Amino acid sequence: MKNKLAGLTREEIFGYIERFVYGEYRPWPFAGSGGGRSDIEHACRDFMEEMEFEERTFAEELLFLIDKKKKKDSEIYKRAGVDKSVFSKIRKGQEPSKETAVALAVALELPMTKTQDLLGKAGYSLSRSLRNDLIVRAFIAARCYDIDLIRAAIYDKEFCADHPEADRIMSYLHRMPRW
């Protein structure tokens, strides 16, 4: 990870924050602060601590999660139904499609919050109003991480009714808003 503040002096950072947050004519936004320099210095310290390192990219987070789960890359991309060449491009920094990002999150068996975090790194989220997203949400809520079954539910309205998890998943779907 790269340091966002590399090459900037403390004074340059302080000046940037003062101009951006404090402004020439705007009163200092902290209630009861009197606009003293110490408040700005505290804000600078907080800013510098938060900005010390960039957040992980989608690829970095994906690889981190794979390692954390002690899995092999090939195990995850095969389970997700993602081609090796597509995974290689993602690994090199290319952003995935939403469908690919979701498939990788499902292959990692991530809970909803972690799925949303991973998708967010690629600029996506699972909506509470889109049919396909509701289906994925229902499967994750039911802890059913079978990407083929999820795809069947999305693309075939009569999906795998004989599957052992079908009743539980359908109950989640019917409880969700706008279904």
N, C-alpha and C. Protein backbone atom coordinates (compact mmCIF):
# COMPACT_ATOMS: atom_id res chain seq x y z
N MET A 1 0.83 -1.18 0.00
CA MET A 1 0.00 0.00 0.00
C MET A 1 0.88 1.24 0.00
N LYS A 2 0.43 2.23 -0.76
CA LYS A 2 1.21 3.46 -0.86
C LYS A 2 0.76 4.48 0.18
N ASN A 3 1.72 5.24 0.65
CA ASN A 3 1.43 6.30 1.60
C ASN A 3 0.94 7.51 0.82
N LYS A 4 -0.30 7.95 1.08
CA LYS A 4 -0.88 9.11 0.39
C LYS A 4 -0.16 10.39 0.72
N LEU A 5 0.52 10.43 1.84
CA LEU A 5 1.14 11.66 2.31
C LEU A 5 2.62 11.75 1.97
N ALA A 6 3.12 10.76 1.23
CA ALA A 6 4.54 10.74 0.90
C ALA A 6 4.93 12.04 0.20
N GLY A 7 6.00 12.64 0.66
CA GLY A 7 6.52 13.84 0.02
C GLY A 7 5.93 15.15 0.53
N LEU A 8 4.87 15.08 1.34
CA LEU A 8 4.28 16.30 1.88
C LEU A 8 4.85 16.56 3.27
N THR A 9 5.13 17.81 3.53
CA THR A 9 5.60 18.17 4.87
C THR A 9 4.39 18.35 5.78
N ARG A 10 4.65 18.36 7.06
CA ARG A 10 3.58 18.57 8.04
C ARG A 10 2.90 19.91 7.79
N GLU A 11 3.67 20.92 7.45
CA GLU A 11 3.12 22.25 7.20
C GLU A 11 2.21 22.26 5.97
N GLU A 12 2.61 21.52 4.92
CA GLU A 12 1.77 21.46 3.72
C GLU A 12 0.44 20.78 4.03
N ILE A 13 0.50 19.70 4.79
CA ILE A 13 -0.73 19.00 5.18
C ILE A 13 -1.60 19.91 6.04
N PHE A 14 -0.97 20.55 7.02
CA PHE A 14 -1.66 21.46 7.92
C PHE A 14 -2.34 22.57 7.10
N GLY A 15 -1.62 23.15 6.16
CA GLY A 15 -2.17 24.22 5.32
C GLY A 15 -3.33 23.74 4.47
N TYR A 16 -3.20 22.54 3.93
CA TYR A 16 -4.28 21.98 3.12
C TYR A 16 -5.55 21.82 3.96
N ILE A 17 -5.40 21.24 5.13
CA ILE A 17 -6.56 21.02 5.99
C ILE A 17 -7.16 22.35 6.41
N GLU A 18 -6.31 23.29 6.76
CA GLU A 18 -6.81 24.59 7.21
C GLU A 18 -7.60 25.27 6.09
N ARG A 19 -7.09 25.24 4.86
CA ARG A 19 -7.80 25.86 3.73
C ARG A 19 -9.08 25.09 3.40
N PHE A 20 -9.00 23.76 3.43
CA PHE A 20 -10.14 22.94 3.03
C PHE A 20 -11.24 22.93 4.08
N VAL A 21 -10.88 22.70 5.33
CA VAL A 21 -11.87 22.55 6.38
C VAL A 21 -12.21 23.89 7.03
N TYR A 22 -11.18 24.63 7.38
CA TYR A 22 -11.38 25.86 8.14
C TYR A 22 -11.74 27.02 7.23
N GLY A 23 -11.06 27.13 6.12
CA GLY A 23 -11.32 28.21 5.18
C GLY A 23 -10.90 29.56 5.73
N GLU A 24 -10.79 30.54 4.86
CA GLU A 24 -10.35 31.87 5.30
C GLU A 24 -11.39 32.56 6.18
N TYR A 25 -12.68 32.44 5.79
CA TYR A 25 -13.70 33.21 6.49
C TYR A 25 -14.71 32.34 7.25
N ARG A 26 -14.59 31.06 7.13
CA ARG A 26 -15.54 30.17 7.79
C ARG A 26 -15.08 29.91 9.22
N PRO A 27 -15.97 30.02 10.19
CA PRO A 27 -15.57 29.71 11.57
C PRO A 27 -15.26 28.22 11.71
N TRP A 28 -14.40 27.92 12.65
CA TRP A 28 -14.02 26.52 12.88
C TRP A 28 -15.27 25.73 13.26
N PRO A 29 -15.52 24.58 12.63
CA PRO A 29 -16.80 23.88 12.78
C PRO A 29 -17.02 23.18 14.13
N PHE A 30 -15.99 23.02 14.96
CA PHE A 30 -16.22 22.32 16.23
C PHE A 30 -16.95 23.24 17.20
N ALA A 31 -18.04 22.72 17.76
CA ALA A 31 -18.85 23.51 18.70
C ALA A 31 -18.03 23.90 19.92
N GLY A 32 -18.13 25.14 20.31
CA GLY A 32 -17.47 25.62 21.51
C GLY A 32 -15.98 25.74 21.40
N SER A 33 -15.43 25.60 20.22
CA SER A 33 -13.97 25.64 20.10
C SER A 33 -13.45 27.05 20.02
N GLY A 34 -13.67 27.97 19.91
CA GLY A 34 -13.11 29.29 19.80
C GLY A 34 -12.22 29.44 18.59
N GLY A 35 -12.12 28.42 17.76
CA GLY A 35 -11.32 28.50 16.55
C GLY A 35 -9.83 28.47 16.80
N GLY A 36 -9.43 28.02 17.96
CA GLY A 36 -8.01 28.01 18.29
C GLY A 36 -7.19 27.07 17.43
N ARG A 37 -5.91 27.39 17.36
CA ARG A 37 -4.99 26.60 16.57
C ARG A 37 -4.92 25.15 17.04
N SER A 38 -5.10 24.94 18.35
CA SER A 38 -4.98 23.58 18.87
C SER A 38 -6.07 22.67 18.28
N ASP A 39 -7.27 23.22 18.01
CA ASP A 39 -8.32 22.43 17.39
C ASP A 39 -7.91 21.98 15.98
N ILE A 40 -7.30 22.90 15.25
CA ILE A 40 -6.85 22.57 13.90
C ILE A 40 -5.71 21.56 13.97
N GLU A 41 -4.84 21.72 14.92
CA GLU A 41 -3.74 20.77 15.08
C GLU A 41 -4.26 19.38 15.41
N HIS A 42 -5.31 19.30 16.24
CA HIS A 42 -5.93 18.00 16.54
C HIS A 42 -6.53 17.40 15.26
N ALA A 43 -7.20 18.24 14.49
CA ALA A 43 -7.78 17.77 13.24
C ALA A 43 -6.69 17.27 12.30
N CYS A 44 -5.56 17.98 12.26
CA CYS A 44 -4.45 17.56 11.41
C CYS A 44 -3.91 16.20 11.84
N ARG A 45 -3.74 16.03 13.13
CA ARG A 45 -3.24 14.73 13.63
C ARG A 45 -4.20 13.61 13.26
N ASP A 46 -5.50 13.86 13.47
CA ASP A 46 -6.50 12.84 13.13
C ASP A 46 -6.47 12.53 11.64
N PHE A 47 -6.40 13.60 10.83
CA PHE A 47 -6.35 13.45 9.38
C PHE A 47 -5.13 12.64 8.96
N MET A 48 -3.98 12.97 9.51
CA MET A 48 -2.74 12.27 9.15
C MET A 48 -2.80 10.80 9.56
N GLU A 49 -3.40 10.50 10.70
CA GLU A 49 -3.52 9.11 11.12
C GLU A 49 -4.44 8.35 10.18
N GLU A 50 -5.58 8.95 9.81
CA GLU A 50 -6.53 8.28 8.93
C GLU A 50 -5.98 8.10 7.53
N MET A 51 -5.22 9.07 7.04
CA MET A 51 -4.76 9.04 5.65
C MET A 51 -3.38 8.41 5.48
N GLU A 52 -2.84 7.86 6.53
CA GLU A 52 -1.49 7.30 6.46
C GLU A 52 -1.37 6.27 5.34
N PHE A 53 -2.36 5.43 5.20
CA PHE A 53 -2.32 4.42 4.15
C PHE A 53 -3.65 4.41 3.40
N GLU A 54 -3.56 4.12 2.11
CA GLU A 54 -4.76 3.99 1.30
C GLU A 54 -5.49 2.71 1.67
N GLU A 55 -6.78 2.69 1.44
CA GLU A 55 -7.52 1.45 1.62
C GLU A 55 -7.08 0.46 0.56
N ARG A 56 -7.29 -0.80 0.85
CA ARG A 56 -6.96 -1.82 -0.14
C ARG A 56 -7.87 -1.70 -1.34
N THR A 57 -7.34 -2.02 -2.50
CA THR A 57 -8.14 -2.08 -3.72
C THR A 57 -8.96 -3.36 -3.70
N PHE A 58 -9.82 -3.53 -4.69
CA PHE A 58 -10.60 -4.76 -4.78
C PHE A 58 -9.66 -5.96 -4.86
N ALA A 59 -8.67 -5.89 -5.73
CA ALA A 59 -7.74 -7.01 -5.90
C ALA A 59 -6.99 -7.31 -4.61
N GLU A 60 -6.49 -6.27 -3.95
CA GLU A 60 -5.76 -6.46 -2.69
C GLU A 60 -6.65 -7.09 -1.63
N GLU A 61 -7.88 -6.60 -1.54
CA GLU A 61 -8.82 -7.14 -0.54
C GLU A 61 -9.18 -8.59 -0.86
N LEU A 62 -9.42 -8.87 -2.14
CA LEU A 62 -9.74 -10.23 -2.56
C LEU A 62 -8.62 -11.20 -2.19
N LEU A 63 -7.39 -10.84 -2.52
CA LEU A 63 -6.25 -11.70 -2.21
C LEU A 63 -6.05 -11.82 -0.70
N PHE A 64 -6.27 -10.74 0.03
CA PHE A 64 -6.19 -10.79 1.49
C PHE A 64 -7.21 -11.79 2.05
N LEU A 65 -8.46 -11.73 1.54
CA LEU A 65 -9.50 -12.62 2.03
C LEU A 65 -9.22 -14.08 1.67
N ILE A 66 -8.69 -14.30 0.48
CA ILE A 66 -8.33 -15.67 0.08
C ILE A 66 -7.27 -16.22 1.02
N ASP A 67 -6.24 -15.41 1.29
CA ASP A 67 -5.18 -15.84 2.21
C ASP A 67 -5.73 -16.06 3.61
N LYS A 68 -6.59 -15.16 4.06
CA LYS A 68 -7.16 -15.25 5.40
C LYS A 68 -7.96 -16.55 5.57
N LYS A 69 -8.64 -16.97 4.51
CA LYS A 69 -9.42 -18.20 4.56
C LYS A 69 -8.57 -19.44 4.26
N LYS A 70 -7.27 -19.20 4.04
CA LYS A 70 -6.32 -20.29 3.76
C LYS A 70 -6.76 -21.13 2.55
N LYS A 71 -7.15 -20.43 1.51
CA LYS A 71 -7.58 -21.07 0.25
C LYS A 71 -6.57 -20.74 -0.83
N LYS A 72 -6.64 -21.48 -1.91
CA LYS A 72 -5.82 -21.19 -3.09
C LYS A 72 -6.64 -20.32 -4.03
N ASP A 73 -5.96 -19.46 -4.77
CA ASP A 73 -6.64 -18.61 -5.75
C ASP A 73 -7.49 -19.45 -6.69
N SER A 74 -6.90 -20.54 -7.19
CA SER A 74 -7.60 -21.39 -8.16
C SER A 74 -8.87 -22.00 -7.57
N GLU A 75 -8.83 -22.34 -6.30
CA GLU A 75 -10.01 -22.90 -5.63
C GLU A 75 -11.15 -21.88 -5.65
N ILE A 76 -10.83 -20.62 -5.39
CA ILE A 76 -11.86 -19.58 -5.33
C ILE A 76 -12.38 -19.23 -6.72
N TYR A 77 -11.49 -19.00 -7.69
CA TYR A 77 -12.02 -18.60 -9.00
C TYR A 77 -12.76 -19.74 -9.68
N LYS A 78 -12.36 -20.98 -9.45
CA LYS A 78 -13.11 -22.12 -10.01
C LYS A 78 -14.48 -22.23 -9.35
N ARG A 79 -14.51 -22.09 -8.03
CA ARG A 79 -15.77 -22.17 -7.30
C ARG A 79 -16.73 -21.05 -7.73
N ALA A 80 -16.15 -19.89 -8.07
CA ALA A 80 -16.96 -18.74 -8.50
C ALA A 80 -17.39 -18.87 -9.96
N GLY A 81 -16.81 -19.80 -10.68
CA GLY A 81 -17.12 -19.93 -12.10
C GLY A 81 -16.48 -18.82 -12.92
N VAL A 82 -15.34 -18.33 -12.45
CA VAL A 82 -14.62 -17.24 -13.11
C VAL A 82 -13.42 -17.84 -13.85
N ASP A 83 -13.25 -17.43 -15.09
CA ASP A 83 -12.15 -17.91 -15.90
C ASP A 83 -10.81 -17.47 -15.32
N LYS A 84 -9.80 -18.32 -15.48
CA LYS A 84 -8.46 -18.03 -14.95
C LYS A 84 -7.91 -16.71 -15.51
N SER A 85 -8.15 -16.44 -16.80
CA SER A 85 -7.63 -15.21 -17.41
C SER A 85 -8.31 -13.97 -16.82
N VAL A 86 -9.60 -14.08 -16.50
CA VAL A 86 -10.33 -12.96 -15.88
C VAL A 86 -9.77 -12.73 -14.48
N PHE A 87 -9.56 -13.80 -13.73
CA PHE A 87 -9.01 -13.68 -12.38
C PHE A 87 -7.61 -13.05 -12.43
N SER A 88 -6.83 -13.44 -13.42
CA SER A 88 -5.48 -12.89 -13.58
C SER A 88 -5.53 -11.39 -13.81
N LYS A 89 -6.48 -10.94 -14.64
CA LYS A 89 -6.64 -9.50 -14.89
C LYS A 89 -7.05 -8.76 -13.62
N ILE A 90 -7.95 -9.37 -12.85
CA ILE A 90 -8.38 -8.77 -11.59
C ILE A 90 -7.18 -8.66 -10.66
N ARG A 91 -6.40 -9.73 -10.60
CA ARG A 91 -5.22 -9.78 -9.74
C ARG A 91 -4.24 -8.65 -10.08
N LYS A 92 -4.20 -8.28 -11.37
CA LYS A 92 -3.31 -7.21 -11.83
C LYS A 92 -3.93 -5.83 -11.69
N GLY A 93 -5.16 -5.77 -11.16
CA GLY A 93 -5.75 -4.46 -10.88
C GLY A 93 -6.95 -4.08 -11.71
N GLN A 94 -7.34 -4.89 -12.68
CA GLN A 94 -8.53 -4.57 -13.47
C GLN A 94 -9.77 -4.78 -12.61
N GLU A 95 -10.69 -3.83 -12.64
CA GLU A 95 -11.91 -3.96 -11.85
C GLU A 95 -12.82 -5.02 -12.49
N PRO A 96 -13.45 -5.86 -11.67
CA PRO A 96 -14.33 -6.90 -12.20
C PRO A 96 -15.71 -6.35 -12.52
N SER A 97 -16.49 -7.12 -13.26
CA SER A 97 -17.90 -6.78 -13.43
C SER A 97 -18.59 -7.05 -12.10
N LYS A 98 -19.79 -6.53 -11.95
CA LYS A 98 -20.51 -6.76 -10.70
C LYS A 98 -20.78 -8.26 -10.52
N GLU A 99 -21.18 -8.93 -11.58
CA GLU A 99 -21.47 -10.36 -11.48
C GLU A 99 -20.24 -11.15 -11.03
N THR A 100 -19.08 -10.81 -11.57
CA THR A 100 -17.84 -11.49 -11.18
C THR A 100 -17.49 -11.19 -9.73
N ALA A 101 -17.63 -9.94 -9.32
CA ALA A 101 -17.33 -9.56 -7.93
C ALA A 101 -18.25 -10.31 -6.96
N VAL A 102 -19.53 -10.40 -7.30
CA VAL A 102 -20.48 -11.13 -6.46
C VAL A 102 -20.11 -12.61 -6.41
N ALA A 103 -19.79 -13.18 -7.56
CA ALA A 103 -19.43 -14.61 -7.61
C ALA A 103 -18.21 -14.90 -6.75
N LEU A 104 -17.23 -14.02 -6.76
CA LEU A 104 -16.04 -14.21 -5.94
C LEU A 104 -16.37 -14.08 -4.45
N ALA A 105 -17.24 -13.14 -4.10
CA ALA A 105 -17.66 -12.99 -2.70
C ALA A 105 -18.41 -14.24 -2.24
N VAL A 106 -19.25 -14.77 -3.10
CA VAL A 106 -20.00 -15.99 -2.77
C VAL A 106 -19.04 -17.17 -2.63
N ALA A 107 -18.08 -17.27 -3.53
CA ALA A 107 -17.10 -18.36 -3.46
C ALA A 107 -16.30 -18.30 -2.15
N LEU A 108 -16.09 -17.10 -1.65
CA LEU A 108 -15.38 -16.92 -0.37
C LEU A 108 -16.30 -17.15 0.84
N GLU A 109 -17.59 -17.34 0.58
CA GLU A 109 -18.59 -17.55 1.63
C GLU A 109 -18.58 -16.41 2.65
N LEU A 110 -18.59 -15.19 2.11
CA LEU A 110 -18.57 -14.00 2.97
C LEU A 110 -19.97 -13.68 3.48
N PRO A 111 -20.08 -13.23 4.73
CA PRO A 111 -21.38 -12.75 5.20
C PRO A 111 -21.72 -11.44 4.49
N MET A 112 -22.94 -10.96 4.69
CA MET A 112 -23.41 -9.79 3.95
C MET A 112 -22.52 -8.57 4.14
N THR A 113 -22.12 -8.26 5.36
CA THR A 113 -21.31 -7.05 5.57
C THR A 113 -19.99 -7.13 4.83
N LYS A 114 -19.34 -8.28 4.88
CA LYS A 114 -18.05 -8.44 4.18
C LYS A 114 -18.25 -8.45 2.67
N THR A 115 -19.38 -9.01 2.22
CA THR A 115 -19.69 -9.00 0.79
C THR A 115 -19.85 -7.56 0.32
N GLN A 116 -20.62 -6.77 1.07
CA GLN A 116 -20.83 -5.37 0.70
C GLN A 116 -19.51 -4.60 0.71
N ASP A 117 -18.64 -4.87 1.69
CA ASP A 117 -17.34 -4.21 1.75
C ASP A 117 -16.51 -4.54 0.51
N LEU A 118 -16.46 -5.82 0.16
CA LEU A 118 -15.68 -6.23 -1.01
C LEU A 118 -16.25 -5.61 -2.28
N LEU A 119 -17.56 -5.69 -2.46
CA LEU A 119 -18.18 -5.11 -3.65
C LEU A 119 -17.93 -3.60 -3.73
N GLY A 120 -17.98 -2.95 -2.57
CA GLY A 120 -17.75 -1.50 -2.53
C GLY A 120 -16.38 -1.11 -3.05
N LYS A 121 -15.41 -1.96 -2.88
CA LYS A 121 -14.05 -1.67 -3.36
C LYS A 121 -13.99 -1.66 -4.89
N ALA A 122 -14.99 -2.27 -5.53
CA ALA A 122 -15.07 -2.24 -6.99
C ALA A 122 -16.16 -1.26 -7.45
N GLY A 123 -16.77 -0.55 -6.49
CA GLY A 123 -17.78 0.44 -6.85
C GLY A 123 -19.19 -0.12 -6.96
N TYR A 124 -19.44 -1.29 -6.38
CA TYR A 124 -20.76 -1.93 -6.45
C TYR A 124 -21.35 -2.11 -5.06
N SER A 125 -22.63 -2.47 -5.03
CA SER A 125 -23.28 -2.88 -3.79
C SER A 125 -24.45 -3.78 -4.16
N LEU A 126 -24.98 -4.48 -3.18
CA LEU A 126 -26.19 -5.26 -3.38
C LEU A 126 -27.37 -4.41 -2.92
N SER A 127 -28.20 -4.05 -3.86
CA SER A 127 -29.34 -3.17 -3.61
C SER A 127 -30.46 -3.92 -2.90
N ARG A 128 -31.29 -3.15 -2.22
CA ARG A 128 -32.48 -3.73 -1.59
C ARG A 128 -33.70 -3.58 -2.49
N SER A 129 -33.50 -3.12 -3.73
CA SER A 129 -34.64 -2.91 -4.61
C SER A 129 -34.51 -3.63 -5.96
N LEU A 130 -33.34 -4.12 -6.30
CA LEU A 130 -33.18 -4.83 -7.57
C LEU A 130 -33.38 -6.33 -7.37
N ARG A 131 -34.17 -6.94 -8.23
CA ARG A 131 -34.53 -8.35 -8.11
C ARG A 131 -33.31 -9.25 -7.96
N ASN A 132 -32.34 -9.13 -8.86
CA ASN A 132 -31.16 -10.01 -8.80
C ASN A 132 -30.38 -9.83 -7.51
N ASP A 133 -30.26 -8.59 -7.07
CA ASP A 133 -29.55 -8.32 -5.82
C ASP A 133 -30.30 -8.91 -4.62
N LEU A 134 -31.64 -8.84 -4.67
CA LEU A 134 -32.43 -9.44 -3.59
C LEU A 134 -32.24 -10.96 -3.54
N ILE A 135 -32.13 -11.56 -4.70
CA ILE A 135 -31.91 -13.00 -4.74
C ILE A 135 -30.56 -13.35 -4.12
N VAL A 136 -29.51 -12.61 -4.50
CA VAL A 136 -28.19 -12.86 -3.93
C VAL A 136 -28.22 -12.63 -2.42
N ARG A 137 -28.87 -11.56 -1.99
CA ARG A 137 -28.99 -11.26 -0.55
C ARG A 137 -29.67 -12.43 0.19
N ALA A 138 -30.71 -12.98 -0.42
CA ALA A 138 -31.43 -14.08 0.22
C ALA A 138 -30.54 -15.31 0.37
N PHE A 139 -29.78 -15.62 -0.65
CA PHE A 139 -28.88 -16.76 -0.57
C PHE A 139 -27.81 -16.55 0.49
N ILE A 140 -27.26 -15.35 0.55
CA ILE A 140 -26.24 -15.06 1.57
C ILE A 140 -26.86 -15.13 2.96
N ALA A 141 -28.06 -14.56 3.11
CA ALA A 141 -28.74 -14.61 4.42
C ALA A 141 -29.00 -16.06 4.84
N ALA A 142 -29.29 -16.92 3.87
CA ALA A 142 -29.55 -18.33 4.16
C ALA A 142 -28.25 -19.14 4.27
N ARG A 143 -27.13 -18.46 4.08
CA ARG A 143 -25.80 -19.09 4.10
C ARG A 143 -25.68 -20.22 3.08
N CYS A 144 -26.30 -19.98 1.96
CA CYS A 144 -26.22 -20.94 0.84
C CYS A 144 -25.31 -20.30 -0.21
N TYR A 145 -24.10 -20.79 -0.30
CA TYR A 145 -23.07 -20.16 -1.14
C TYR A 145 -22.80 -20.97 -2.41
N ASP A 146 -23.86 -21.46 -3.03
CA ASP A 146 -23.74 -22.23 -4.27
C ASP A 146 -24.00 -21.28 -5.43
N ILE A 147 -22.94 -20.85 -6.11
CA ILE A 147 -23.08 -19.84 -7.16
C ILE A 147 -23.93 -20.34 -8.33
N ASP A 148 -23.87 -21.64 -8.61
CA ASP A 148 -24.70 -22.18 -9.70
C ASP A 148 -26.18 -22.10 -9.34
N LEU A 149 -26.50 -22.36 -8.10
CA LEU A 149 -27.89 -22.27 -7.65
C LEU A 149 -28.35 -20.81 -7.65
N ILE A 150 -27.47 -19.90 -7.26
CA ILE A 150 -27.82 -18.47 -7.29
C ILE A 150 -28.09 -18.03 -8.72
N ARG A 151 -27.21 -18.43 -9.63
CA ARG A 151 -27.42 -18.07 -11.04
C ARG A 151 -28.71 -18.67 -11.57
N ALA A 152 -29.00 -19.90 -11.19
CA ALA A 152 -30.25 -20.53 -11.62
C ALA A 152 -31.45 -19.75 -11.11
N ALA A 153 -31.39 -19.29 -9.87
CA ALA A 153 -32.49 -18.51 -9.29
C ALA A 153 -32.65 -17.18 -10.02
N ILE A 154 -31.54 -16.59 -10.44
CA ILE A 154 -31.61 -15.30 -11.13
C ILE A 154 -32.14 -15.46 -12.54
N TYR A 155 -31.68 -16.46 -13.26
CA TYR A 155 -32.01 -16.59 -14.68
C TYR A 155 -33.16 -17.55 -14.97
N ASP A 156 -33.63 -18.30 -13.97
CA ASP A 156 -34.71 -19.25 -14.19
C ASP A 156 -35.69 -19.13 -13.04
N LYS A 157 -36.90 -18.66 -13.34
CA LYS A 157 -37.87 -18.44 -12.27
C LYS A 157 -38.26 -19.74 -11.57
N GLU A 158 -38.16 -20.85 -12.23
CA GLU A 158 -38.49 -22.15 -11.64
C GLU A 158 -37.20 -22.84 -11.21
N PHE A 159 -36.36 -22.12 -10.49
CA PHE A 159 -35.04 -22.65 -10.18
C PHE A 159 -35.08 -23.81 -9.21
N CYS A 160 -34.41 -24.84 -9.52
CA CYS A 160 -34.08 -25.97 -8.64
C CYS A 160 -35.02 -26.14 -7.46
N ALA A 161 -36.29 -26.24 -7.70
CA ALA A 161 -37.26 -26.37 -6.61
C ALA A 161 -37.01 -27.62 -5.77
N ASP A 162 -36.34 -28.59 -6.34
CA ASP A 162 -36.06 -29.82 -5.60
C ASP A 162 -34.78 -29.73 -4.77
N HIS A 163 -34.10 -28.58 -4.84
CA HIS A 163 -32.87 -28.42 -4.05
C HIS A 163 -33.22 -28.38 -2.57
N PRO A 164 -32.42 -29.01 -1.70
CA PRO A 164 -32.75 -29.04 -0.26
C PRO A 164 -32.85 -27.67 0.40
N GLU A 165 -32.17 -26.65 -0.14
CA GLU A 165 -32.21 -25.31 0.46
C GLU A 165 -33.28 -24.42 -0.15
N ALA A 166 -34.00 -24.91 -1.16
CA ALA A 166 -34.95 -24.06 -1.90
C ALA A 166 -36.01 -23.45 -1.00
N ASP A 167 -36.61 -24.23 -0.11
CA ASP A 167 -37.68 -23.69 0.76
C ASP A 167 -37.15 -22.58 1.66
N ARG A 168 -36.00 -22.81 2.25
CA ARG A 168 -35.43 -21.81 3.16
C ARG A 168 -35.09 -20.52 2.40
N ILE A 169 -34.54 -20.65 1.21
CA ILE A 169 -34.17 -19.48 0.42
C ILE A 169 -35.42 -18.73 -0.03
N MET A 170 -36.43 -19.47 -0.47
CA MET A 170 -37.67 -18.81 -0.90
C MET A 170 -38.32 -18.08 0.27
N SER A 171 -38.21 -18.61 1.47
CA SER A 171 -38.80 -17.91 2.62
C SER A 171 -38.07 -16.59 2.86
N TYR A 172 -36.74 -16.56 2.67
CA TYR A 172 -35.99 -15.30 2.78
C TYR A 172 -36.43 -14.33 1.69
N LEU A 173 -36.59 -14.84 0.47
CA LEU A 173 -36.98 -13.97 -0.64
C LEU A 173 -38.34 -13.33 -0.39
N HIS A 174 -39.28 -14.10 0.11
CA HIS A 174 -40.62 -13.57 0.31
C HIS A 174 -40.71 -12.59 1.48
N ARG A 175 -39.76 -12.65 2.40
CA ARG A 175 -39.75 -11.70 3.52
C ARG A 175 -39.07 -10.39 3.14
N MET A 176 -38.35 -10.37 2.02
CA MET A 176 -37.60 -9.17 1.64
C MET A 176 -38.55 -8.15 1.01
N PRO A 177 -38.22 -6.87 1.17
CA PRO A 177 -39.07 -5.82 0.61
C PRO A 177 -39.09 -5.86 -0.92
N ARG A 178 -40.25 -5.50 -1.47
CA ARG A 178 -40.43 -5.37 -2.92
C ARG A 178 -40.23 -6.67 -3.68
N TRP A 179 -40.45 -7.77 -3.05
CA TRP A 179 -40.32 -9.05 -3.77
C TRP A 179 -41.63 -9.41 -4.40
